[in-house]
């Protein structure tokens, strides 16, 4: 059985919002070039986690901003040669 893992509709966010938050977290500008969508580009996507929720009762507990900040901290630790430790552990 295949399960989709993601934030679901409650954590739907645009790529532009994610890039803006990365700029806030890092204090650095993210260069962006906007182009017209190509044939086949997915303009909108939200993970459907209903099967996972139904089978295990799992729901996303970390919002996208917190998850992005956790990832940035993990990457900083790894780049500095410190052993990155998981910030949060989750279980199904």
C-alpha atoms as a PDB file:
ATOM      1  CA  UNK A   1       0.000   0.000   0.000  1.00  0.00           C
ATOM      2  CA  UNK A   2       1.283   3.481  -0.869  1.00  0.00           C
ATOM      3  CA  UNK A   3       0.803   6.466   1.434  1.00  0.00           C
ATOM      4  CA  UNK A   4       1.249  10.138   0.573  1.00  0.00           C
ATOM      5  CA  UNK A   5       3.160  12.007   3.246  1.00  0.00           C
ATOM      6  CA  UNK A   6       2.857  15.769   3.353  1.00  0.00           C
ATOM      7  CA  UNK A   7       1.136  18.635   5.062  1.00  0.00           C
ATOM      8  CA  UNK A   8      -2.255  18.226   3.433  1.00  0.00           C
ATOM      9  CA  UNK A   9      -4.569  21.157   2.695  1.00  0.00           C
ATOM     10  CA  UNK A  10      -3.835  22.845   6.053  1.00  0.00           C
ATOM     11  CA  UNK A  11      -0.206  23.362   4.993  1.00  0.00           C
ATOM     12  CA  UNK A  12      -0.719  24.251   1.338  1.00  0.00           C
ATOM     13  CA  UNK A  13       1.785  26.948   0.393  1.00  0.00           C
ATOM     14  CA  UNK A  14       3.032  28.509  -2.817  1.00  0.00           C
ATOM     15  CA  UNK A  15       6.608  28.176  -4.002  1.00  0.00           C
ATOM     16  CA  UNK A  16       6.852  31.978  -3.854  1.00  0.00           C
ATOM     17  CA  UNK A  17       5.929  31.911  -0.133  1.00  0.00           C
ATOM     18  CA  UNK A  18       8.526  29.202   0.526  1.00  0.00           C
ATOM     19  CA  UNK A  19      11.214  31.230  -1.254  1.00  0.00           C
ATOM     20  CA  UNK A  20      10.223  34.359   0.704  1.00  0.00           C
ATOM     21  CA  UNK A  21      10.532  32.420   3.973  1.00  0.00           C
ATOM     22  CA  UNK A  22      13.947  31.065   2.943  1.00  0.00           C
ATOM     23  CA  UNK A  23      15.050  34.681   2.484  1.00  0.00           C
ATOM     24  CA  UNK A  24      13.803  35.510   6.000  1.00  0.00           C
ATOM     25  CA  UNK A  25      15.552  32.480   7.535  1.00  0.00           C
ATOM     26  CA  UNK A  26      18.874  32.939   5.743  1.00  0.00           C
ATOM     27  CA  UNK A  27      18.940  36.713   5.460  1.00  0.00           C
ATOM     28  CA  UNK A  28      19.911  36.248   1.814  1.00  0.00           C
ATOM     29  CA  UNK A  29      18.028  37.064  -1.357  1.00  0.00           C
ATOM     30  CA  UNK A  30      16.888  34.099  -3.446  1.00  0.00           C
ATOM     31  CA  UNK A  31      17.221  34.971  -7.144  1.00  0.00           C
ATOM     32  CA  UNK A  32      14.051  34.101  -9.045  1.00  0.00           C
ATOM     33  CA  UNK A  33      13.304  34.201 -12.747  1.00  0.00           C
ATOM     34  CA  UNK A  34       9.640  33.908 -13.664  1.00  0.00           C
ATOM     35  CA  UNK A  35       8.690  32.179 -16.887  1.00  0.00           C
ATOM     36  CA  UNK A  36       5.372  31.222 -18.415  1.00  0.00           C
ATOM     37  CA  UNK A  37       4.205  27.730 -17.423  1.00  0.00           C
ATOM     38  CA  UNK A  38       5.237  24.931 -19.751  1.00  0.00           C
ATOM     39  CA  UNK A  39       2.905  22.284 -21.092  1.00  0.00           C
ATOM     40  CA  UNK A  40       2.576  19.626 -18.407  1.00  0.00           C
ATOM     41  CA  UNK A  41       3.685  21.870 -15.513  1.00  0.00           C
ATOM     42  CA  UNK A  42       1.721  21.178 -12.360  1.00  0.00           C
ATOM     43  CA  UNK A  43       0.268  24.535 -11.342  1.00  0.00           C
ATOM     44  CA  UNK A  44      -1.188  23.372  -8.020  1.00  0.00           C
ATOM     45  CA  UNK A  45      -0.518  20.410  -5.756  1.00  0.00           C
ATOM     46  CA  UNK A  46      -1.592  19.489  -2.241  1.00  0.00           C
ATOM     47  CA  UNK A  47      -0.728  16.119  -0.740  1.00  0.00           C
ATOM     48  CA  UNK A  48      -3.802  13.997  -0.030  1.00  0.00           C
ATOM     49  CA  UNK A  49      -2.989  12.327   3.293  1.00  0.00           C
ATOM     50  CA  UNK A  50      -6.450  10.824   3.943  1.00  0.00           C
ATOM     51  CA  UNK A  51      -5.309   7.216   3.432  1.00  0.00           C
ATOM     52  CA  UNK A  52      -2.443   7.644   5.904  1.00  0.00           C
ATOM     53  CA  UNK A  53      -4.720   9.419   8.391  1.00  0.00           C
ATOM     54  CA  UNK A  54      -7.368   6.716   8.065  1.00  0.00           C
ATOM     55  CA  UNK A  55      -4.960   3.807   8.466  1.00  0.00           C
ATOM     56  CA  UNK A  56      -2.709   5.154  11.229  1.00  0.00           C
ATOM     57  CA  UNK A  57      -4.436   8.272  12.554  1.00  0.00           C
ATOM     58  CA  UNK A  58      -1.398  10.305  11.459  1.00  0.00           C
ATOM     59  CA  UNK A  59      -1.719  14.046  10.916  1.00  0.00           C
ATOM     60  CA  UNK A  60       0.945  16.610  10.134  1.00  0.00           C
ATOM     61  CA  UNK A  61       2.092  18.192  13.388  1.00  0.00           C
ATOM     62  CA  UNK A  62       4.798  20.506  12.046  1.00  0.00           C
ATOM     63  CA  UNK A  63       3.783  23.518   9.980  1.00  0.00           C
ATOM     64  CA  UNK A  64       5.688  24.313   6.817  1.00  0.00           C
ATOM     65  CA  UNK A  65       7.469  27.346   8.300  1.00  0.00           C
ATOM     66  CA  UNK A  66       8.686  25.378  11.337  1.00  0.00           C
ATOM     67  CA  UNK A  67       9.709  22.483   9.100  1.00  0.00           C
ATOM     68  CA  UNK A  68      11.665  24.848   6.862  1.00  0.00           C
ATOM     69  CA  UNK A  69      13.421  26.396   9.879  1.00  0.00           C
ATOM     70  CA  UNK A  70      14.256  22.924  11.238  1.00  0.00           C
ATOM     71  CA  UNK A  71      15.705  21.940   7.856  1.00  0.00           C
ATOM     72  CA  UNK A  72      17.776  25.141   7.683  1.00  0.00           C
ATOM     73  CA  UNK A  73      19.199  24.457  11.157  1.00  0.00           C
ATOM     74  CA  UNK A  74      20.012  20.877  10.204  1.00  0.00           C
ATOM     75  CA  UNK A  75      21.780  22.044   7.033  1.00  0.00           C
ATOM     76  CA  UNK A  76      23.763  24.692   8.969  1.00  0.00           C
ATOM     77  CA  UNK A  77      24.921  22.057  11.474  1.00  0.00           C
ATOM     78  CA  UNK A  78      25.916  19.666   8.693  1.00  0.00           C
ATOM     79  CA  UNK A  79      27.819  22.394   6.812  1.00  0.00           C
ATOM     80  CA  UNK A  80      29.663  23.375  10.013  1.00  0.00           C
ATOM     81  CA  UNK A  81      30.795  19.790  10.525  1.00  0.00           C
ATOM     82  CA  UNK A  82      28.552  19.270  13.537  1.00  0.00           C
ATOM     83  CA  UNK A  83      26.577  16.074  13.561  1.00  0.00           C
ATOM     84  CA  UNK A  84      23.053  17.208  12.791  1.00  0.00           C
ATOM     85  CA  UNK A  85      20.567  15.786  15.242  1.00  0.00           C
ATOM     86  CA  UNK A  86      16.913  15.332  14.401  1.00  0.00           C
ATOM     87  CA  UNK A  87      14.868  18.137  15.906  1.00  0.00           C
ATOM     88  CA  UNK A  88      11.668  16.142  16.067  1.00  0.00           C
ATOM     89  CA  UNK A  89      10.922  12.453  15.973  1.00  0.00           C
ATOM     90  CA  UNK A  90       7.589  11.223  14.727  1.00  0.00           C
ATOM     91  CA  UNK A  91       6.099   7.774  14.692  1.00  0.00           C
ATOM     92  CA  UNK A  92       3.096   6.272  13.004  1.00  0.00           C
END
